Protein backbone atom coordinates (compact mmCIF):
# COMPACT_ATOMS: atom_id res chain seq x y z
CA MET A 1 0.00 0.00 0.00
CA ALA A 2 1.13 3.54 -0.76
CA HIS A 3 1.96 5.85 2.14
CA ILE A 4 1.94 9.60 2.70
CA LEU A 5 4.08 10.95 5.54
CA VAL A 6 3.17 14.25 7.21
CA TYR A 7 5.47 15.92 9.72
CA ALA A 8 3.28 17.21 12.57
CA GLN A 9 5.15 20.05 14.24
CA ARG A 10 3.90 20.41 17.81
CA THR A 11 2.72 23.75 19.19
CA PRO A 12 0.89 24.66 22.42
CA GLN A 13 -2.33 24.72 20.36
CA GLY A 14 -1.83 21.16 19.05
CA ILE A 15 0.14 21.18 15.79
CA HIS A 16 1.39 23.89 13.44
CA PRO A 17 -1.24 25.26 11.02
CA ALA A 18 0.83 24.17 8.02
CA SER A 19 0.98 20.60 9.38
CA ALA A 20 -2.80 20.65 9.90
CA ALA A 21 -3.42 21.81 6.33
CA ALA A 22 -0.91 19.25 5.03
CA LEU A 23 -2.78 16.45 6.82
CA CYS A 24 -6.06 17.52 5.23
CA LEU A 25 -4.45 17.55 1.78
CA ALA A 26 -2.88 14.16 2.49
CA ARG A 27 -6.29 12.82 3.54
CA ASP A 28 -7.81 13.92 0.22
CA ILE A 29 -4.96 12.37 -1.76
CA GLY A 30 -4.96 9.21 0.35
CA SER A 31 -8.68 8.68 -0.13
CA GLU A 32 -8.35 9.16 -3.90
CA ARG A 33 -5.15 7.15 -4.30
CA GLY A 34 -5.81 4.44 -1.71
CA ALA A 35 -2.84 5.53 0.41
CA THR A 36 -2.48 5.60 4.18
CA VAL A 37 -1.76 8.93 5.87
CA SER A 38 0.91 8.60 8.55
CA ALA A 39 1.66 11.55 10.81
CA VAL A 40 5.07 11.75 12.44
CA CYS A 41 6.34 13.90 15.29
CA PRO A 42 9.21 13.86 17.78
CA GLY A 43 7.82 12.66 21.11
CA ASP A 44 8.81 11.20 24.44
CA ALA A 45 5.56 9.56 25.64
CA GLY A 46 4.88 12.52 27.91
CA ARG A 47 1.53 14.16 28.66
CA ALA A 48 1.99 16.73 25.89
CA ASP A 49 1.90 13.98 23.24
CA GLN A 50 -1.86 13.75 23.78
CA PHE A 51 -2.29 17.21 22.22
CA VAL A 52 -0.55 15.98 19.07
CA ILE A 53 -2.56 12.75 18.99
CA GLY A 54 -5.83 14.67 19.19
CA ALA A 55 -4.81 17.13 16.48
CA VAL A 56 -3.58 14.64 13.87
CA SER A 57 -6.68 12.51 14.46
CA ARG A 58 -9.00 15.44 13.73
CA PHE A 59 -7.24 16.37 10.51
CA GLY A 60 -7.22 12.96 8.84
CA ALA A 61 -4.23 10.85 9.87
CA ASP A 62 -4.62 7.06 9.82
CA GLY A 63 -1.68 6.59 12.15
CA LEU A 64 0.89 8.48 14.18
CA THR A 65 4.48 7.58 14.99
CA PHE A 66 6.54 9.54 17.50
CA LEU A 67 10.07 9.73 16.15
CA GLY A 68 13.42 9.27 17.78
CA PRO A 69 16.58 11.34 17.16
CA ALA A 70 17.02 9.83 13.67
CA GLY A 71 13.97 11.75 12.48
CA LEU A 72 12.16 10.94 9.24
CA ARG A 73 14.92 8.93 7.61
CA PRO A 74 14.12 5.46 9.07
CA LEU A 75 10.42 5.68 8.16
CA GLN A 76 11.20 7.01 4.72
CA GLU A 77 13.56 4.10 4.04
CA ARG A 78 11.08 1.56 5.41
CA LEU A 79 7.86 2.83 3.81
CA HIS A 80 9.12 4.50 0.60
CA PRO A 81 6.24 7.00 0.78
CA LEU A 82 4.41 8.34 -2.22
CA LEU A 83 4.67 11.86 -0.74
CA VAL A 84 6.22 13.55 2.29
CA PHE A 85 4.75 16.80 3.61
CA VAL A 86 6.49 19.06 6.13
CA PRO A 87 5.47 22.53 7.32
CA HIS A 88 7.30 25.47 5.74
CA THR A 89 9.02 26.30 9.03
CA GLU A 90 12.59 26.09 10.25
CA GLU A 91 11.77 22.83 12.05
CA GLY A 92 9.91 21.35 9.09
CA LEU A 93 12.61 22.25 6.58
CA ALA A 94 15.28 20.84 8.89
CA ALA A 95 13.35 17.55 9.03
CA ALA A 96 13.12 17.50 5.22
CA GLU A 97 16.81 18.26 4.85
CA THR A 98 17.64 14.76 6.05
CA LEU A 99 15.72 13.48 3.00
CA GLY A 100 17.33 15.83 0.52
CA GLY A 101 15.27 19.00 0.95
CA ALA A 102 11.72 20.09 0.09
CA GLU A 103 9.99 22.17 -2.57
CA ALA A 104 7.63 24.80 -1.16
CA LEU A 105 3.89 24.89 -1.92
CA TRP A 106 1.58 27.73 -0.87
CA LEU A 107 -1.61 25.84 -0.05
CA GLN A 108 -4.52 28.29 -0.44
CA GLU A 109 -7.39 25.86 -1.06
CA PRO A 110 -8.04 22.10 -0.97
CA GLU A 111 -8.04 21.63 -4.76
CA VAL A 112 -4.46 20.82 -5.73
CA GLU A 113 -3.18 18.84 -8.72
CA TRP A 114 -1.36 16.44 -6.46
CA GLU A 115 0.22 14.52 -9.35
CA ARG A 116 2.46 17.54 -9.89
CA LEU A 117 3.58 17.83 -6.29
CA ALA A 118 7.21 17.31 -5.39
CA SER A 119 7.88 14.06 -3.57
CA ILE A 120 8.93 16.12 -0.53
CA THR A 121 6.84 19.26 -0.18
CA ALA A 122 7.00 22.08 2.38
CA ILE A 123 3.49 23.44 2.98
CA VAL A 124 2.78 27.14 3.49
CA ALA A 125 -0.64 27.43 5.18
CA GLY A 126 -2.86 29.88 3.32
CA THR A 127 -6.03 28.24 4.55
CA LEU A 128 -7.54 26.66 7.63
CA PRO A 129 -7.72 22.84 7.82
CA TRP A 130 -10.94 21.56 6.28
CA TYR A 131 -11.36 18.29 8.22
CA GLU A 132 -12.61 17.95 11.78
CA LEU A 133 -12.92 14.20 12.31
CA PRO A 134 -14.16 12.72 15.62
CA ALA A 135 -11.92 9.62 15.83
CA ILE A 136 -8.83 9.40 18.05
CA ILE A 137 -6.05 7.17 16.76
CA ASP A 138 -3.52 5.13 18.75
CA ALA A 139 0.04 6.37 18.48
CA GLU A 140 3.17 4.27 18.04
CA TYR A 141 6.62 5.12 19.34
CA ASP A 142 10.00 4.68 17.75
CA ASN A 143 12.34 2.60 19.90
CA GLU A 144 14.44 5.69 20.63
CA ALA A 145 11.59 8.21 20.96
CA SER A 146 12.40 8.83 24.62
CA LEU A 147 15.84 10.16 23.59
CA VAL A 148 14.59 13.21 21.67
CA ASP A 149 15.00 16.71 23.05
CA LEU A 150 11.60 18.39 23.05
CA PRO A 151 11.13 22.18 23.24
CA GLU A 152 11.48 23.66 26.72
CA TRP A 153 7.88 24.87 26.76
CA VAL A 154 6.47 21.33 26.47
CA ALA A 155 6.98 20.74 30.19
CA ARG A 156 5.05 23.97 30.93
CA LEU A 157 2.27 23.56 28.38
CA GLU A 158 -0.51 24.83 30.63
CA GLN A 159 1.17 28.26 30.73
CA HIS A 160 0.56 28.74 27.01
CA SER A 161 -3.15 27.99 26.82
CA GLY A 162 -5.61 30.44 25.28
CA ARG A 163 -5.29 32.72 22.26
CA GLY A 164 -4.53 36.12 23.76
CA PRO A 165 -4.91 39.57 22.18
CA LEU A 166 -5.08 40.39 18.47
CA ARG A 167 -2.59 42.99 17.19
CA HIS A 168 -1.39 44.22 13.83
CA PHE A 169 1.79 45.75 12.44
CA ALA A 170 1.41 47.78 9.25
CA ARG A 171 3.25 50.35 7.21
CA GLU A 172 2.42 54.03 7.80
CA ASP A 173 0.88 54.50 4.33
CA LEU A 174 -1.65 51.69 4.84
CA ASP A 175 -4.83 52.36 2.87
CA GLN A 176 -8.04 53.35 4.64
CA ALA A 177 -9.97 50.23 3.54
CA THR A 178 -7.41 47.96 5.19
CA ARG A 179 -7.35 50.09 8.34
CA ALA A 180 -11.13 49.79 8.56
CA ALA A 181 -10.97 46.02 8.06
CA LEU A 182 -8.40 45.71 10.85
CA ALA A 183 -10.47 47.87 13.19
CA SER A 184 -13.58 45.80 12.46
CA ILE A 185 -11.94 42.63 13.82
CA GLY A 186 -10.56 44.43 16.89
CA ALA A 187 -6.86 44.28 15.94
CA LYS A 188 -4.82 46.84 17.90
CA PRO A 189 -1.88 48.56 16.13
CA VAL A 190 1.68 48.10 17.36
CA GLY A 191 5.00 49.62 16.35
CA PRO A 192 8.49 48.18 15.76
CA GLU A 193 9.27 48.37 19.47
CA TYR A 194 6.66 45.65 20.11
CA LEU A 195 8.25 42.95 17.95
CA ASP A 196 10.70 41.76 20.61
CA GLN A 197 7.81 41.51 23.07
CA HIS A 198 5.41 39.34 21.04
CA THR A 199 5.04 36.52 23.53
CA GLY A 200 1.31 35.79 23.28
CA GLY A 201 -1.74 36.25 21.09
CA THR A 202 -1.80 36.77 17.32
CA LEU A 203 0.06 39.41 15.32
CA LEU A 204 -1.16 40.32 11.82
CA TRP A 205 1.82 41.39 9.70
CA LEU A 206 1.09 43.75 6.79
CA GLY A 207 4.54 44.95 5.90
CA GLY A 208 4.48 44.40 2.14
CA ALA A 209 7.22 43.03 -0.07
CA ASP A 210 9.78 45.54 1.22
CA GLN A 211 9.06 44.69 4.88
CA PRO A 212 9.24 40.88 5.20
CA VAL A 213 8.65 39.14 8.51
CA PRO A 214 11.64 40.18 10.65
CA GLU A 215 14.02 37.84 12.42
CA ALA A 216 12.87 39.22 15.78
CA LEU A 217 9.55 37.38 15.33
CA ALA A 218 11.28 34.07 14.64
CA ALA A 219 12.28 33.94 18.31
CA ARG A 220 8.79 34.71 19.65
CA GLY A 221 7.31 32.72 22.51
CA PRO A 222 5.48 29.44 21.88
CA GLY A 223 2.10 31.01 22.71
CA ALA A 224 2.50 33.73 20.05
CA ARG A 225 1.37 33.39 16.45
CA VAL A 226 1.88 35.42 13.29
CA ILE A 227 -0.44 35.74 10.29
CA LEU A 228 1.30 37.22 7.26
CA PHE A 229 -0.58 39.19 4.59
CA PRO A 230 1.88 39.53 1.67
CA GLY A 231 -0.61 41.23 -0.66
CA GLU A 232 -1.44 40.53 -4.28
CA GLY A 233 0.99 38.79 -6.63
CA ALA A 234 3.27 37.60 -3.81
CA GLU A 235 5.70 34.72 -4.27
CA ILE A 236 7.00 32.40 -1.57
CA ASP A 237 9.82 34.00 0.38
CA ALA A 238 12.36 32.45 2.75
CA THR A 239 11.14 34.67 5.61
CA TRP A 240 7.68 33.06 5.40
CA THR A 241 9.03 30.31 7.64
CA ARG A 242 8.54 32.84 10.47
CA ALA A 243 4.75 33.00 9.97
CA ASP A 244 2.06 30.48 10.91
CA TRP A 245 -0.37 31.42 8.13
CA VAL A 246 0.25 33.35 4.91
CA LEU A 247 -3.09 34.63 3.62
CA PRO A 248 -3.30 35.64 -0.05
CA GLY A 249 -4.97 38.53 -1.81
CA ALA A 250 -5.56 42.25 -1.47
CA TRP A 251 -5.26 43.32 2.16
CA PRO A 252 -8.84 44.51 2.84
CA GLU A 253 -10.37 41.30 1.49
CA ALA A 254 -7.75 39.06 3.10
CA VAL A 255 -8.24 40.64 6.53
CA LYS A 256 -12.04 40.38 6.22
CA GLN A 257 -11.65 36.58 6.06
CA LEU A 258 -10.94 36.66 9.79
CA HIS A 259 -14.58 37.62 10.44
CA SER A 260 -15.54 34.05 9.56
CA GLU A 261 -16.84 31.83 12.35
CA LEU A 262 -14.17 29.32 11.33
CA TRP A 263 -11.38 31.81 12.04
CA LYS A 264 -12.69 33.18 15.32
CA PRO A 265 -11.61 30.20 17.48
CA VAL A 266 -8.11 30.51 16.02
CA ILE A 267 -7.46 34.20 16.70
CA VAL A 268 -9.61 34.97 19.76
């Protein structure tokens, strides 16, 4: 049987948005192709693994394996997967590097010509996951899973619960329509001095092509998220690894998406 591997990057909210979207895409492909969807994640059998198990179950995984220090390589050599998806993040790209690197895909909707996908693909989340399944799967553990070094925040997971405030960073010449859209969702403006202090909640970044997501935000706390609005005609940029979502389109329309009932649990 064919296999699809999806790297599930853990976060305090469950898994990274790009991993969630990748699982949904893998579920669609797996159902069409008759392939199993196997989620993978570093894990040590601790309490925090339950958050990952619940998340990958909801978004369409058939199975979950917690990896040891060797990462994806042993499973890739054993299963010879049809496709491997990783999130377009520093962690996801590092996991793909052991397999030879990944080609980036900006996933903006479920309909993708999957036959043209690279065998190892780094997903940029431009959409919310579209599956919410009720089943909970049983996880398996690599023999050396207990040897992995998990992020420091995993042991203090309860300190990072909740969504926190909604803020936005934008250029001074931002158009009035976008300002109105931001005000309508309750996003409070912040200046450059805030970037080193983004430790919780969601920051909407509207810097434009000449103001990519800065390195200061790459070191943000685990309870802080970033939604990037690159504007119209944008192409995937290396700094996008610092964002959780990258939402396409003209700024007023893109921001208005956050009014949806589907988005509200994510950003509030």
